[in-house]
Amino acid sequence: MTGLRLCVAGVGALGGTLAACLARGGASVSLIARGETLSRLRTQGLTLTESGTVFTCQPAVAERAAGPVDVLFLTVKSHQLSSLLPAVLPAIGRDTLIVPIINGVPWWMATDDTSPAFRTLPPLLDPTGQLASHLPTQQIAGGVAYAFSSSEAPGQIHSLRPMRLVLGLVAPDMSGRDSRLNILAALLNTCGIDASVSGSIHAEVWTKLVSNVASNPLSVITGATLGTMATDRATRAIVHATLDEAMAVGMACGIPTLKPAEAICAMMAAAGPHQTSMLQDFRAGRFLETVAIGDALVALARALAVPTPVTDTLLGLVAFQRHSLPLKEQTS
């Protein structure tokens, strides 16, 4: 074991899966949670049910970090990051590796020079500038997760299959963080997480974004699972059209999509009965991640004069659906 001190901030479906796997593998992991999730974790612990096996653990959990850690995973929704900052700032030391695992276009992508079009994004992704100010780019490793998990109650996580996690530094390595990232990936693998390190994290993020924008909004409109959307003739056509638009925006930004549309559809089909995270949030009356997943993509498309008529229509319908239900935002 490496002896790394790990902290998972945000214990919903994704963060709960990650934390439980780390604890199950013997890693030193602490949790940051809020509200009902914090209370449940303190009294009942964290339970992961995966492939018919149930694992329960009782990691240290608090509302605010007590001090610096080696690796800080940020696993809340993108729109919750700013409100989480006060709780996680004590965990960030000079050498802390910060690993945000979020859907959509991450705020750190809006701060680099991949494409001038990204300069249009900070008002959407980091309107107060707090994320860019308090989370140093040189300490960030982007995280792209493929986790087919759900949380029916705080601290109760169900996973259809083991998590896959791709990591990559977002800025050139100037202080040996690349070697630490490889050590972290090795630790994650010993804990049952299929982890790898990529030298093309922007492309990895975009490939996940393409998949998300083609599946999440459509799932809210139709109520369909990933498997159904990828195999039904009508929804599959919409998925393909949305994939084409998102891939075109990426190419205009200079970021390739690492999988062809057919491969992404096959991955969706293999997920079978899994509901997207956006559909889970919609049915629970929670705030939807449409800004990072959809609005940011459309903003880039407008800046680059790339048409996105199908994506625009889907996002408009999701907005209509969202306004028809009362909002019950929850914290994790």
Foldseek 3Di string as FASTA:
>chain_A
DPQFAEEEEFCFQVSLQLVQLLVQLPHHYEYAWDDPLQVCCQPPAAWEQEPNDIDGDRHHYDNADPAAGQEYEYEDELVCVVVSVRRDLRHDDPRHAYEYAYAFAAPLVLVDVLDPLSVVPCCLRPVPCPCPVRPPLQRYKYKYKDWLWHDPDRNYIYTHHAMEMEIERPDDHDDPVVVVVVVVQVSSVSSRYNYDYDHQVVLVNLLRLLLCLLAQLVCQVVVAALQCLLPPPVSVVLSLLSSVLSQVLCVLSVHHHPDDSVVSSVVSNVSPRGHDPQNVCLVVQEDGSCSRSQVSSVSSCVVSVRDRVSSVVSVVVSVVSSVVDHHDHDID
